[in-house]
Amino acid sequence: MSINDLEERFEQAVELANSMTQSSLPQDVQLRLYALYKQSTNGIITNRIYPIYDLRNAFKMNAWMQISHLSEEECKELYIEAINSLVNKK
């Protein structure tokens, strides 16, 4: 599978994700998708300092840090699989 094919499938998955509502997804799924997307598009998290009073962002950063050992390509594949799984459940 080529890099372009992976990019195309990833972009299609992002479009599908954007059509979903947050309220339709459990929070753990939202965090997982967030982390996979950020690792796929930004790479390893570099800013590990966030305000202690901002619990929402702390959870998001923690989810991202937990998968920081995965490559961008691995995260794209996992993101695609997760979105396709969610779409197939409907």
PDB file of N, CA and C in Angstrom:
ATOM      1  N   MET A   1       0.839  -1.178   0.000  1.00  0.00           N
ATOM      2  CA  MET A   1       0.000   0.000   0.000  1.00  0.00           C
ATOM      3  C   MET A   1       0.887   1.245   0.000  1.00  0.00           C
ATOM      4  N   SER A   2       0.590   2.179  -0.844  1.00  0.00           N
ATOM      5  CA  SER A   2       1.434   3.366  -0.969  1.00  0.00           C
ATOM      6  C   SER A   2       1.078   4.426   0.075  1.00  0.00           C
ATOM      7  N   ILE A   3       1.995   5.354   0.264  1.00  0.00           N
ATOM      8  CA  ILE A   3       1.776   6.465   1.186  1.00  0.00           C
ATOM      9  C   ILE A   3       0.574   7.283   0.736  1.00  0.00           C
ATOM     10  N   ASN A   4       0.438   7.498  -0.572  1.00  0.00           N
ATOM     11  CA  ASN A   4      -0.690   8.271  -1.089  1.00  0.00           C
ATOM     12  C   ASN A   4      -2.012   7.594  -0.802  1.00  0.00           C
ATOM     13  N   ASP A   5      -2.045   6.265  -0.895  1.00  0.00           N
ATOM     14  CA  ASP A   5      -3.254   5.511  -0.589  1.00  0.00           C
ATOM     15  C   ASP A   5      -3.617   5.676   0.884  1.00  0.00           C
ATOM     16  N   LEU A   6      -2.626   5.590   1.751  1.00  0.00           N
ATOM     17  CA  LEU A   6      -2.855   5.772   3.180  1.00  0.00           C
ATOM     18  C   LEU A   6      -3.380   7.178   3.452  1.00  0.00           C
ATOM     19  N   GLU A   7      -2.784   8.181   2.837  1.00  0.00           N
ATOM     20  CA  GLU A   7      -3.224   9.564   3.026  1.00  0.00           C
ATOM     21  C   GLU A   7      -4.666   9.754   2.559  1.00  0.00           C
ATOM     22  N   GLU A   8      -4.988   9.148   1.431  1.00  0.00           N
ATOM     23  CA  GLU A   8      -6.340   9.266   0.883  1.00  0.00           C
ATOM     24  C   GLU A   8      -7.363   8.603   1.812  1.00  0.00           C
ATOM     25  N   ARG A   9      -7.043   7.412   2.289  1.00  0.00           N
ATOM     26  CA  ARG A   9      -7.951   6.717   3.207  1.00  0.00           C
ATOM     27  C   ARG A   9      -8.083   7.467   4.535  1.00  0.00           C
ATOM     28  N   PHE A  10      -6.975   8.072   4.985  1.00  0.00           N
ATOM     29  CA  PHE A  10      -7.000   8.842   6.219  1.00  0.00           C
ATOM     30  C   PHE A  10      -7.897  10.073   6.062  1.00  0.00           C
ATOM     31  N   GLU A  11      -7.747  10.780   4.953  1.00  0.00           N
ATOM     32  CA  GLU A  11      -8.576  11.963   4.708  1.00  0.00           C
ATOM     33  C   GLU A  11     -10.058  11.593   4.622  1.00  0.00           C
ATOM     34  N   GLN A  12     -10.360  10.456   4.017  1.00  0.00           N
ATOM     35  CA  GLN A  12     -11.755   9.997   3.953  1.00  0.00           C
ATOM     36  C   GLN A  12     -12.282   9.702   5.355  1.00  0.00           C
ATOM     37  N   ALA A  13     -11.448   9.096   6.190  1.00  0.00           N
ATOM     38  CA  ALA A  13     -11.851   8.801   7.570  1.00  0.00           C
ATOM     39  C   ALA A  13     -12.072  10.091   8.352  1.00  0.00           C
ATOM     40  N   VAL A  14     -11.230  11.092   8.130  1.00  0.00           N
ATOM     41  CA  VAL A  14     -11.394  12.387   8.803  1.00  0.00           C
ATOM     42  C   VAL A  14     -12.717  13.027   8.387  1.00  0.00           C
ATOM     43  N   GLU A  15     -13.042  12.944   7.109  1.00  0.00           N
ATOM     44  CA  GLU A  15     -14.321  13.487   6.630  1.00  0.00           C
ATOM     45  C   GLU A  15     -15.491  12.774   7.301  1.00  0.00           C
ATOM     46  N   LEU A  16     -15.408  11.452   7.412  1.00  0.00           N
ATOM     47  CA  LEU A  16     -16.465  10.703   8.091  1.00  0.00           C
ATOM     48  C   LEU A  16     -16.562  11.115   9.555  1.00  0.00           C
ATOM     49  N   ALA A  17     -15.427  11.267  10.209  1.00  0.00           N
ATOM     50  CA  ALA A  17     -15.410  11.658  11.618  1.00  0.00           C
ATOM     51  C   ALA A  17     -16.026  13.034  11.807  1.00  0.00           C
ATOM     52  N   ASN A  18     -15.752  13.939  10.887  1.00  0.00           N
ATOM     53  CA  ASN A  18     -16.302  15.291  10.985  1.00  0.00           C
ATOM     54  C   ASN A  18     -17.818  15.316  10.836  1.00  0.00           C
ATOM     55  N   SER A  19     -18.370  14.283  10.231  1.00  0.00           N
ATOM     56  CA  SER A  19     -19.828  14.226  10.076  1.00  0.00           C
ATOM     57  C   SER A  19     -20.510  13.611  11.302  1.00  0.00           C
ATOM     58  N   MET A  20     -19.724  13.078  12.225  1.00  0.00           N
ATOM     59  CA  MET A  20     -20.272  12.489  13.448  1.00  0.00           C
ATOM     60  C   MET A  20     -20.454  13.563  14.511  1.00  0.00           C
ATOM     61  N   THR A  21     -21.408  13.326  15.399  1.00  0.00           N
ATOM     62  CA  THR A  21     -21.585  14.253  16.518  1.00  0.00           C
ATOM     63  C   THR A  21     -20.868  13.698  17.739  1.00  0.00           C
ATOM     64  N   GLN A  22     -20.301  14.604  18.530  1.00  0.00           N
ATOM     65  CA  GLN A  22     -19.590  14.169  19.733  1.00  0.00           C
ATOM     66  C   GLN A  22     -20.515  13.438  20.688  1.00  0.00           C
ATOM     67  N   SER A  23     -21.756  13.883  20.762  1.00  0.00           N
ATOM     68  CA  SER A  23     -22.685  13.269  21.711  1.00  0.00           C
ATOM     69  C   SER A  23     -22.999  11.819  21.365  1.00  0.00           C
ATOM     70  N   SER A  24     -22.717  11.423  20.126  1.00  0.00           N
ATOM     71  CA  SER A  24     -22.990  10.040  19.723  1.00  0.00           C
ATOM     72  C   SER A  24     -21.849   9.092  20.087  1.00  0.00           C
ATOM     73  N   LEU A  25     -20.722   9.638  20.563  1.00  0.00           N
ATOM     74  CA  LEU A  25     -19.562   8.816  20.877  1.00  0.00           C
ATOM     75  C   LEU A  25     -19.237   8.878  22.369  1.00  0.00           C
ATOM     76  N   PRO A  26     -18.905   7.738  22.968  1.00  0.00           N
ATOM     77  CA  PRO A  26     -18.464   7.752  24.361  1.00  0.00           C
ATOM     78  C   PRO A  26     -17.176   8.567  24.505  1.00  0.00           C
ATOM     79  N   GLN A  27     -16.960   9.130  25.679  1.00  0.00           N
ATOM     80  CA  GLN A  27     -15.802   9.990  25.874  1.00  0.00           C
ATOM     81  C   GLN A  27     -14.481   9.262  25.666  1.00  0.00           C
ATOM     82  N   ASP A  28     -14.401   7.989  26.037  1.00  0.00           N
ATOM     83  CA  ASP A  28     -13.147   7.266  25.836  1.00  0.00           C
ATOM     84  C   ASP A  28     -12.840   7.104  24.349  1.00  0.00           C
ATOM     85  N   VAL A  29     -13.872   6.934  23.541  1.00  0.00           N
ATOM     86  CA  VAL A  29     -13.693   6.827  22.090  1.00  0.00           C
ATOM     87  C   VAL A  29     -13.263   8.178  21.525  1.00  0.00           C
ATOM     88  N   GLN A  30     -13.880   9.252  22.005  1.00  0.00           N
ATOM     89  CA  GLN A  30     -13.489  10.587  21.568  1.00  0.00           C
ATOM     90  C   GLN A  30     -12.019  10.856  21.876  1.00  0.00           C
ATOM     91  N   LEU A  31     -11.579  10.487  23.066  1.00  0.00           N
ATOM     92  CA  LEU A  31     -10.183  10.703  23.447  1.00  0.00           C
ATOM     93  C   LEU A  31      -9.237   9.886  22.584  1.00  0.00           C
ATOM     94  N   ARG A  32      -9.603   8.650  22.313  1.00  0.00           N
ATOM     95  CA  ARG A  32      -8.767   7.781  21.476  1.00  0.00           C
ATOM     96  C   ARG A  32      -8.644   8.361  20.068  1.00  0.00           C
ATOM     97  N   LEU A  33      -9.766   8.777  19.496  1.00  0.00           N
ATOM     98  CA  LEU A  33      -9.736   9.371  18.157  1.00  0.00           C
ATOM     99  C   LEU A  33      -8.915  10.654  18.144  1.00  0.00           C
ATOM    100  N   TYR A  34      -9.073  11.471  19.178  1.00  0.00           N
ATOM    101  CA  TYR A  34      -8.293  12.706  19.280  1.00  0.00           C
ATOM    102  C   TYR A  34      -6.800  12.387  19.276  1.00  0.00           C
ATOM    103  N   ALA A  35      -6.408  11.448  20.133  1.00  0.00           N
ATOM    104  CA  ALA A  35      -4.991  11.100  20.257  1.00  0.00           C
ATOM    105  C   ALA A  35      -4.440  10.556  18.942  1.00  0.00           C
ATOM    106  N   LEU A  36      -5.170   9.659  18.309  1.00  0.00           N
ATOM    107  CA  LEU A  36      -4.720   9.090  17.036  1.00  0.00           C
ATOM    108  C   LEU A  36      -4.600  10.172  15.963  1.00  0.00           C
ATOM    109  N   TYR A  37      -5.569  11.075  15.925  1.00  0.00           N
ATOM    110  CA  TYR A  37      -5.528  12.152  14.935  1.00  0.00           C
ATOM    111  C   TYR A  37      -4.324  13.053  15.176  1.00  0.00           C
ATOM    112  N   LYS A  38      -4.118  13.462  16.418  1.00  0.00           N
ATOM    113  CA  LYS A  38      -3.008  14.368  16.733  1.00  0.00           C
ATOM    114  C   LYS A  38      -1.658  13.709  16.450  1.00  0.00           C
ATOM    115  N   GLN A  39      -1.512  12.442  16.812  1.00  0.00           N
ATOM    116  CA  GLN A  39      -0.254  11.738  16.557  1.00  0.00           C
ATOM    117  C   GLN A  39      -0.047  11.573  15.044  1.00  0.00           C
ATOM    118  N   SER A  40      -1.139  11.371  14.318  1.00  0.00           N
ATOM    119  CA  SER A  40      -1.068  11.211  12.860  1.00  0.00           C
ATOM    120  C   SER A  40      -0.677  12.502  12.153  1.00  0.00           C
ATOM    121  N   THR A  41      -1.162  13.615  12.665  1.00  0.00           N
ATOM    122  CA  THR A  41      -0.951  14.882  11.968  1.00  0.00           C
ATOM    123  C   THR A  41       0.177  15.737  12.543  1.00  0.00           C
ATOM    124  N   ASN A  42       0.467  15.581  13.831  1.00  0.00           N
ATOM    125  CA  ASN A  42       1.482  16.410  14.479  1.00  0.00           C
ATOM    126  C   ASN A  42       2.704  15.632  14.936  1.00  0.00           C
ATOM    127  N   GLY A  43       2.607  14.322  14.986  1.00  0.00           N
ATOM    128  CA  GLY A  43       3.707  13.518  15.505  1.00  0.00           C
ATOM    129  C   GLY A  43       3.711  13.516  17.022  1.00  0.00           C
ATOM    130  N   ILE A  44       4.849  13.212  17.593  1.00  0.00           N
ATOM    131  CA  ILE A  44       4.974  13.072  19.041  1.00  0.00           C
ATOM    132  C   ILE A  44       4.675  14.386  19.739  1.00  0.00           C
ATOM    133  N   ILE A  45       3.923  14.294  20.813  1.00  0.00           N
ATOM    134  CA  ILE A  45       3.572  15.472  21.603  1.00  0.00           C
ATOM    135  C   ILE A  45       4.839  16.074  22.207  1.00  0.00           C
ATOM    136  N   THR A  46       4.964  17.380  22.081  1.00  0.00           N
ATOM    137  CA  THR A  46       6.156  18.045  22.609  1.00  0.00           C
ATOM    138  C   THR A  46       5.835  18.919  23.811  1.00  0.00           C
ATOM    139  N   ASN A  47       4.623  19.415  23.910  1.00  0.00           N
ATOM    140  CA  ASN A  47       4.243  20.281  25.016  1.00  0.00           C
ATOM    141  C   ASN A  47       3.530  19.466  26.084  1.00  0.00           C
ATOM    142  N   ARG A  48       4.246  19.104  27.118  1.00  0.00           N
ATOM    143  CA  ARG A  48       3.658  18.290  28.176  1.00  0.00           C
ATOM    144  C   ARG A  48       3.242  19.116  29.383  1.00  0.00           C
ATOM    145  N   ILE A  49       3.294  20.416  29.256  1.00  0.00           N
ATOM    146  CA  ILE A  49       2.890  21.292  30.344  1.00  0.00           C
ATOM    147  C   ILE A  49       1.545  21.907  29.979  1.00  0.00           C
ATOM    148  N   TYR A  50       0.576  21.701  30.840  1.00  0.00           N
ATOM    149  CA  TYR A  50      -0.738  22.283  30.635  1.00  0.00           C
ATOM    150  C   TYR A  50      -1.274  22.699  31.997  1.00  0.00           C
ATOM    151  N   PRO A  51      -2.156  23.670  32.018  1.00  0.00           N
ATOM    152  CA  PRO A  51      -2.662  24.158  33.304  1.00  0.00           C
ATOM    153  C   PRO A  51      -3.362  23.055  34.096  1.00  0.00           C
ATOM    154  N   ILE A  52      -3.089  22.996  35.355  1.00  0.00           N
ATOM    155  CA  ILE A  52      -3.672  21.962  36.205  1.00  0.00           C
ATOM    156  C   ILE A  52      -5.185  22.110  36.316  1.00  0.00           C
ATOM    157  N   TYR A  53      -5.676  23.328  36.148  1.00  0.00           N
ATOM    158  CA  TYR A  53      -7.112  23.574  36.278  1.00  0.00           C
ATOM    159  C   TYR A  53      -7.893  23.196  35.031  1.00  0.00           C
ATOM    160  N   ASP A  54      -7.219  22.888  33.952  1.00  0.00           N
ATOM    161  CA  ASP A  54      -7.884  22.551  32.702  1.00  0.00           C
ATOM    162  C   ASP A  54      -7.948  21.038  32.543  1.00  0.00           C
ATOM    163  N   LEU A  55      -8.905  20.429  33.190  1.00  0.00           N
ATOM    164  CA  LEU A  55      -9.016  18.967  33.231  1.00  0.00           C
ATOM    165  C   LEU A  55      -9.254  18.364  31.846  1.00  0.00           C
ATOM    166  N   ARG A  56     -10.059  19.027  31.040  1.00  0.00           N
ATOM    167  CA  ARG A  56     -10.366  18.503  29.697  1.00  0.00           C
ATOM    168  C   ARG A  56      -9.094  18.350  28.867  1.00  0.00           C
ATOM    169  N   ASN A  57      -8.277  19.400  28.833  1.00  0.00           N
ATOM    170  CA  ASN A  57      -7.035  19.335  28.063  1.00  0.00           C
ATOM    171  C   ASN A  57      -6.044  18.358  28.680  1.00  0.00           C
ATOM    172  N   ALA A  58      -6.071  18.204  29.984  1.00  0.00           N
ATOM    173  CA  ALA A  58      -5.192  17.233  30.639  1.00  0.00           C
ATOM    174  C   ALA A  58      -5.524  15.821  30.167  1.00  0.00           C
ATOM    175  N   PHE A  59      -6.804  15.500  30.068  1.00  0.00           N
ATOM    176  CA  PHE A  59      -7.210  14.176  29.569  1.00  0.00           C
ATOM    177  C   PHE A  59      -6.789  13.997  28.111  1.00  0.00           C
ATOM    178  N   LYS A  60      -6.948  15.035  27.315  1.00  0.00           N
ATOM    179  CA  LYS A  60      -6.562  14.956  25.901  1.00  0.00           C
ATOM    180  C   LYS A  60      -5.056  14.744  25.755  1.00  0.00           C
ATOM    181  N   MET A  61      -4.272  15.494  26.496  1.00  0.00           N
ATOM    182  CA  MET A  61      -2.818  15.355  26.425  1.00  0.00           C
ATOM    183  C   MET A  61      -2.371  13.985  26.928  1.00  0.00           C
ATOM    184  N   ASN A  62      -3.023  13.493  27.975  1.00  0.00           N
ATOM    185  CA  ASN A  62      -2.692  12.170  28.496  1.00  0.00           C
ATOM    186  C   ASN A  62      -2.979  11.083  27.462  1.00  0.00           C
ATOM    187  N   ALA A  63      -4.115  11.185  26.784  1.00  0.00           N
ATOM    188  CA  ALA A  63      -4.454  10.210  25.745  1.00  0.00           C
ATOM    189  C   ALA A  63      -3.411  10.224  24.632  1.00  0.00           C
ATOM    190  N   TRP A  64      -2.969  11.405  24.271  1.00  0.00           N
ATOM    191  CA  TRP A  64      -1.965  11.553  23.215  1.00  0.00           C
ATOM    192  C   TRP A  64      -0.628  10.991  23.668  1.00  0.00           C
ATOM    193  N   MET A  65      -0.235  11.268  24.900  1.00  0.00           N
ATOM    194  CA  MET A  65       1.045  10.758  25.407  1.00  0.00           C
ATOM    195  C   MET A  65       1.056   9.228  25.459  1.00  0.00           C
ATOM    196  N   GLN A  66      -0.092   8.623  25.729  1.00  0.00           N
ATOM    197  CA  GLN A  66      -0.162   7.165  25.831  1.00  0.00           C
ATOM    198  C   GLN A  66       0.132   6.463  24.513  1.00  0.00           C
ATOM    199  N   ILE A  67      -0.074   7.133  23.405  1.00  0.00           N
ATOM    200  CA  ILE A  67       0.188   6.499  22.109  1.00  0.00           C
ATOM    201  C   ILE A  67       1.409   7.098  21.413  1.00  0.00           C
ATOM    202  N   SER A  68       2.196   7.883  22.117  1.00  0.00           N
ATOM    203  CA  SER A  68       3.325   8.574  21.496  1.00  0.00           C
ATOM    204  C   SER A  68       4.406   7.622  20.982  1.00  0.00           C
ATOM    205  N   HIS A  69       4.340   6.356  21.381  1.00  0.00           N
ATOM    206  CA  HIS A  69       5.316   5.374  20.897  1.00  0.00           C
ATOM    207  C   HIS A  69       4.966   4.858  19.494  1.00  0.00           C
ATOM    208  N   LEU A  70       3.776   5.181  19.014  1.00  0.00           N
ATOM    209  CA  LEU A  70       3.344   4.720  17.693  1.00  0.00           C
ATOM    210  C   LEU A  70       3.769   5.713  16.613  1.00  0.00           C
ATOM    211  N   SER A  71       4.036   5.204  15.424  1.00  0.00           N
ATOM    212  CA  SER A  71       4.412   6.077  14.306  1.00  0.00           C
ATOM    213  C   SER A  71       3.167   6.773  13.755  1.00  0.00           C
ATOM    214  N   GLU A  72       3.398   7.808  12.971  1.00  0.00           N
ATOM    215  CA  GLU A  72       2.292   8.525  12.345  1.00  0.00           C
ATOM    216  C   GLU A  72       1.497   7.595  11.433  1.00  0.00           C
ATOM    217  N   GLU A  73       2.190   6.723  10.720  1.00  0.00           N
ATOM    218  CA  GLU A  73       1.510   5.795   9.807  1.00  0.00           C
ATOM    219  C   GLU A  73       0.663   4.785  10.585  1.00  0.00           C
ATOM    220  N   GLU A  74       1.206   4.260  11.687  1.00  0.00           N
ATOM    221  CA  GLU A  74       0.439   3.324  12.515  1.00  0.00           C
ATOM    222  C   GLU A  74      -0.824   3.997  13.050  1.00  0.00           C
ATOM    223  N   CYS A  75      -0.690   5.240  13.477  1.00  0.00           N
ATOM    224  CA  CYS A  75      -1.839   5.964  14.016  1.00  0.00           C
ATOM    225  C   CYS A  75      -2.883   6.234  12.949  1.00  0.00           C
ATOM    226  N   LYS A  76      -2.443   6.515  11.742  1.00  0.00           N
ATOM    227  CA  LYS A  76      -3.391   6.726  10.654  1.00  0.00           C
ATOM    228  C   LYS A  76      -4.184   5.452  10.391  1.00  0.00           C
ATOM    229  N   GLU A  77      -3.496   4.311  10.363  1.00  0.00           N
ATOM    230  CA  GLU A  77      -4.186   3.029  10.152  1.00  0.00           C
ATOM    231  C   GLU A  77      -5.177   2.753  11.277  1.00  0.00           C
ATOM    232  N   LEU A  78      -4.765   2.993  12.522  1.00  0.00           N
ATOM    233  CA  LEU A  78      -5.653   2.768  13.666  1.00  0.00           C
ATOM    234  C   LEU A  78      -6.844   3.721  13.641  1.00  0.00           C
ATOM    235  N   TYR A  79      -6.614   4.947  13.227  1.00  0.00           N
ATOM    236  CA  TYR A  79      -7.689   5.936  13.116  1.00  0.00           C
ATOM    237  C   TYR A  79      -8.701   5.485  12.057  1.00  0.00           C
ATOM    238  N   ILE A  80      -8.200   5.074  10.916  1.00  0.00           N
ATOM    239  CA  ILE A  80      -9.065   4.606   9.829  1.00  0.00           C
ATOM    240  C   ILE A  80      -9.901   3.415  10.305  1.00  0.00           C
ATOM    241  N   GLU A  81      -9.249   2.456  10.961  1.00  0.00           N
ATOM    242  CA  GLU A  81      -9.962   1.282  11.472  1.00  0.00           C
ATOM    243  C   GLU A  81     -11.033   1.677  12.477  1.00  0.00           C
ATOM    244  N   ALA A  82     -10.707   2.602  13.381  1.00  0.00           N
ATOM    245  CA  ALA A  82     -11.665   3.027  14.409  1.00  0.00           C
ATOM    246  C   ALA A  82     -12.877   3.715  13.781  1.00  0.00           C
ATOM    247  N   ILE A  83     -12.634   4.604  12.834  1.00  0.00           N
ATOM    248  CA  ILE A  83     -13.748   5.310  12.178  1.00  0.00           C
ATOM    249  C   ILE A  83     -14.598   4.329  11.385  1.00  0.00           C
ATOM    250  N   ASN A  84     -13.974   3.440  10.639  1.00  0.00           N
ATOM    251  CA  ASN A  84     -14.737   2.455   9.872  1.00  0.00           C
ATOM    252  C   ASN A  84     -15.549   1.551  10.783  1.00  0.00           C
ATOM    253  N   SER A  85     -15.001   1.197  11.920  1.00  0.00           N
ATOM    254  CA  SER A  85     -15.732   0.385  12.888  1.00  0.00           C
ATOM    255  C   SER A  85     -16.969   1.132  13.399  1.00  0.00           C
ATOM    256  N   LEU A  86     -16.802   2.412  13.701  1.00  0.00           N
ATOM    257  CA  LEU A  86     -17.926   3.218  14.181  1.00  0.00           C
ATOM    258  C   LEU A  86     -19.002   3.371  13.100  1.00  0.00           C
ATOM    259  N   VAL A  87     -18.580   3.574  11.869  1.00  0.00           N
ATOM    260  CA  VAL A  87     -19.531   3.736  10.766  1.00  0.00           C
ATOM    261  C   VAL A  87     -20.307   2.430  10.547  1.00  0.00           C
ATOM    262  N   ASN A  88     -19.629   1.294  10.649  1.00  0.00           N
ATOM    263  CA  ASN A  88     -20.263   0.006  10.424  1.00  0.00           C
ATOM    264  C   ASN A  88     -21.230  -0.381  11.531  1.00  0.00           C
ATOM    265  N   LYS A  89     -21.098   0.226  12.711  1.00  0.00           N
ATOM    266  CA  LYS A  89     -22.005  -0.063  13.823  1.00  0.00           C
ATOM    267  C   LYS A  89     -23.358   0.603  13.631  1.00  0.00           C
ATOM    268  N   LYS A  90     -23.411   1.640  12.804  1.00  0.00           N
ATOM    269  CA  LYS A  90     -24.668   2.393  12.620  1.00  0.00           C
ATOM    270  C   LYS A  90     -25.657   1.627  11.813  1.00  0.00           C
TER     271      LYS A  90
END
